[in-house]
Protein backbone atom coordinates (compact mmCIF):
# COMPACT_ATOMS: atom_id res chain seq x y z
CA UNK A 1 19.73 5.14 46.79
CA UNK A 2 17.96 2.25 45.21
CA UNK A 3 15.23 2.89 42.12
CA UNK A 4 13.00 0.20 40.68
CA UNK A 5 12.00 0.80 37.00
CA UNK A 6 8.75 -1.44 36.61
CA UNK A 7 7.37 -1.74 32.84
CA UNK A 8 3.99 -3.53 32.89
CA UNK A 9 2.04 -5.28 29.59
CA UNK A 10 3.20 -5.84 26.95
CA UNK A 11 6.46 -3.51 26.64
CA UNK A 12 8.67 -6.48 26.41
CA UNK A 13 7.21 -5.71 22.69
CA UNK A 14 9.07 -2.79 22.22
CA UNK A 15 11.31 -2.08 18.82
CA UNK A 16 8.56 -4.43 16.96
CA UNK A 17 5.18 -3.22 18.38
CA UNK A 18 3.81 -0.50 16.61
CA UNK A 19 7.36 1.06 16.43
CA UNK A 20 5.43 4.22 14.86
CA UNK A 21 3.70 4.75 18.49
CA UNK A 22 6.31 3.34 20.68
CA UNK A 23 9.18 4.02 18.65
CA UNK A 24 12.32 1.44 18.00
CA UNK A 25 13.79 1.00 20.86
CA UNK A 26 13.61 -2.32 22.90
CA UNK A 27 12.82 -2.81 26.61
CA UNK A 28 16.44 -4.03 26.77
CA UNK A 29 17.94 -0.91 25.27
CA UNK A 30 16.04 1.37 27.71
CA UNK A 31 16.85 -0.85 30.91
CA UNK A 32 20.65 -0.18 29.57
CA UNK A 33 20.36 3.52 29.65
CA UNK A 34 18.22 3.86 32.68
CA UNK A 35 21.04 1.99 34.59
CA UNK A 36 23.29 4.08 33.02
CA UNK A 37 21.88 7.15 33.93
CA UNK A 38 21.55 5.68 37.24
CA UNK A 39 25.56 5.33 38.16
CA UNK A 40 25.70 8.63 36.42
CA UNK A 41 22.88 9.76 39.04
CA UNK A 42 24.69 7.61 42.18
CA UNK A 43 21.36 5.61 41.95
CA UNK A 44 21.52 1.77 41.48
CA UNK A 45 19.12 0.56 39.30
CA UNK A 46 16.58 -2.86 39.02
CA UNK A 47 14.21 -3.01 36.27
CA UNK A 48 11.48 -6.09 35.78
CA UNK A 49 8.45 -6.63 33.48
CA UNK A 50 5.32 -8.15 33.81
CA UNK A 51 2.43 -8.42 31.55
CA UNK A 52 0.61 -9.91 34.55
CA UNK A 53 -1.01 -7.42 37.27
CA UNK A 54 -0.65 -9.26 39.96
CA UNK A 55 3.30 -9.64 39.42
CA UNK A 56 3.33 -5.88 39.20
CA UNK A 57 1.50 -5.64 42.22
CA UNK A 58 4.28 -8.17 43.95
CA UNK A 59 6.73 -5.84 42.40
CA UNK A 60 5.50 -2.51 43.83
CA UNK A 61 5.09 -4.45 47.34
CA UNK A 62 8.45 -5.97 47.36
CA UNK A 63 10.05 -2.48 46.30
CA UNK A 64 8.56 -0.87 49.53
CA UNK A 65 11.34 -2.83 51.46
CA UNK A 66 14.32 -1.67 49.74
CA UNK A 67 13.56 0.95 47.17
CA UNK A 68 13.37 4.47 47.77
CA UNK A 69 11.16 5.36 44.69
CA UNK A 70 10.15 3.63 41.40
CA UNK A 71 9.53 4.78 37.61
CA UNK A 72 6.51 2.94 36.39
CA UNK A 73 4.73 2.46 32.74
CA UNK A 74 1.61 0.42 33.94
CA UNK A 75 0.45 -0.05 29.87
CA UNK A 76 -2.94 -0.40 29.61
CA UNK A 77 -3.43 -1.37 33.33
CA UNK A 78 -2.85 2.60 33.67
CA UNK A 79 -6.69 3.06 32.66
CA UNK A 80 -8.47 -0.76 34.15
CA UNK A 81 -6.50 -1.01 37.44
CA UNK A 82 -7.87 -0.13 40.86
CA UNK A 83 -5.98 -2.70 42.20
CA UNK A 84 -2.33 -0.75 41.12
CA UNK A 85 -3.71 2.51 41.83
CA UNK A 86 -4.37 1.15 45.42
CA UNK A 87 -0.47 -0.49 45.67
CA UNK A 88 0.61 2.17 45.16
CA UNK A 89 -1.22 4.16 47.81
CA UNK A 90 -0.25 1.56 50.05
CA UNK A 91 3.80 1.50 49.58
CA UNK A 92 4.19 5.09 50.75
CA UNK A 93 7.43 5.32 48.54
CA UNK A 94 7.13 7.61 45.26
CA UNK A 95 6.31 6.58 42.21
CA UNK A 96 6.59 8.37 39.14
CA UNK A 97 4.07 7.28 35.71
CA UNK A 98 5.11 7.17 32.65
CA UNK A 99 4.27 6.57 29.55
CA UNK A 100 6.18 6.41 25.90
CA UNK A 101 3.37 7.89 24.01
CA UNK A 102 1.11 11.16 24.44
CA UNK A 103 -1.90 9.47 25.78
CA UNK A 104 -3.59 12.25 25.52
CA UNK A 105 -3.56 12.57 21.72
CA UNK A 106 -4.78 8.97 21.40
CA UNK A 107 -7.96 7.16 22.02
CA UNK A 108 -9.95 8.16 24.46
CA UNK A 109 -10.24 6.18 26.89
CA UNK A 110 -6.60 6.28 27.65
CA UNK A 111 -6.78 9.91 28.66
CA UNK A 112 -8.15 8.41 31.96
CA UNK A 113 -5.22 7.07 34.34
CA UNK A 114 -6.43 5.15 37.67
CA UNK A 115 -2.84 5.60 38.95
CA UNK A 116 -2.21 9.20 38.39
CA UNK A 117 -3.44 10.37 41.39
CA UNK A 118 -1.17 8.42 43.98
CA UNK A 119 1.97 9.17 42.18
CA UNK A 120 4.44 11.79 42.65
CA UNK A 121 4.13 13.02 38.90
CA UNK A 122 4.00 11.62 35.53
CA UNK A 123 5.77 12.24 32.36
CA UNK A 124 4.12 11.21 28.89
CA UNK A 125 4.94 11.44 24.94
CA UNK A 126 8.42 11.62 25.02
CA UNK A 127 9.00 8.07 23.88
CA UNK A 128 12.00 6.42 25.86
CA UNK A 129 13.10 9.73 27.22
CA UNK A 130 10.16 9.67 29.17
CA UNK A 131 11.78 7.07 31.47
CA UNK A 132 14.49 9.17 31.52
CA UNK A 133 12.68 11.92 32.70
CA UNK A 134 10.78 10.31 35.29
CA UNK A 135 14.08 9.13 36.71
CA UNK A 136 15.40 12.68 37.09
CA UNK A 137 12.45 13.77 38.72
CA UNK A 138 12.26 10.67 40.84
CA UNK A 139 16.06 11.46 42.30
CA UNK A 140 15.34 14.55 42.51
CA UNK A 141 12.09 14.37 44.42
CA UNK A 142 14.18 11.48 46.68
CA UNK A 143 16.92 14.23 47.46
CA UNK A 144 13.95 16.95 48.85
C-alpha cells in the first residue's frame, strides 16, 4: 500500500509560523512521524509540499497512477480552490482532508471547504495528530 501525504501552501513554515495556532512541530517532523507510522501500518509513505496550486494538482493527478490514497492538507486553498476540488474528484482514489487547527473555531471564511465534498473524510483541530488520524482512517478505508 502506497500513500501520499500532500501538504499545501505555507506548511513549509510550520514550527515558526503562528505556533500558537499551528503548533511547534516542523513539517519535517510531521513527515518523519507519518513515514514511521506508515511502516508500522505496512504502508509506504511519500510526502510532498507545495505553495503552488498547479503543483498540488499535478501531485494529485500523478498519485492516481501509484497511490492507494492521499492524506491532504490543502491549507488556504481549502477555501478558494475549485481546481483542487475538481482534481480530487477526477483521480478516483480516496482522499482524507486534514487541518492542524480547528477551522470552525477560526475566522468565518475558514468554515467553508471546497474540497470536503469530494473527500472520504476530514480531520481538523488535532494539531500534527490530524495527519496521524487521517492516515489511520485512510488505511482503514482502503482495507475496506
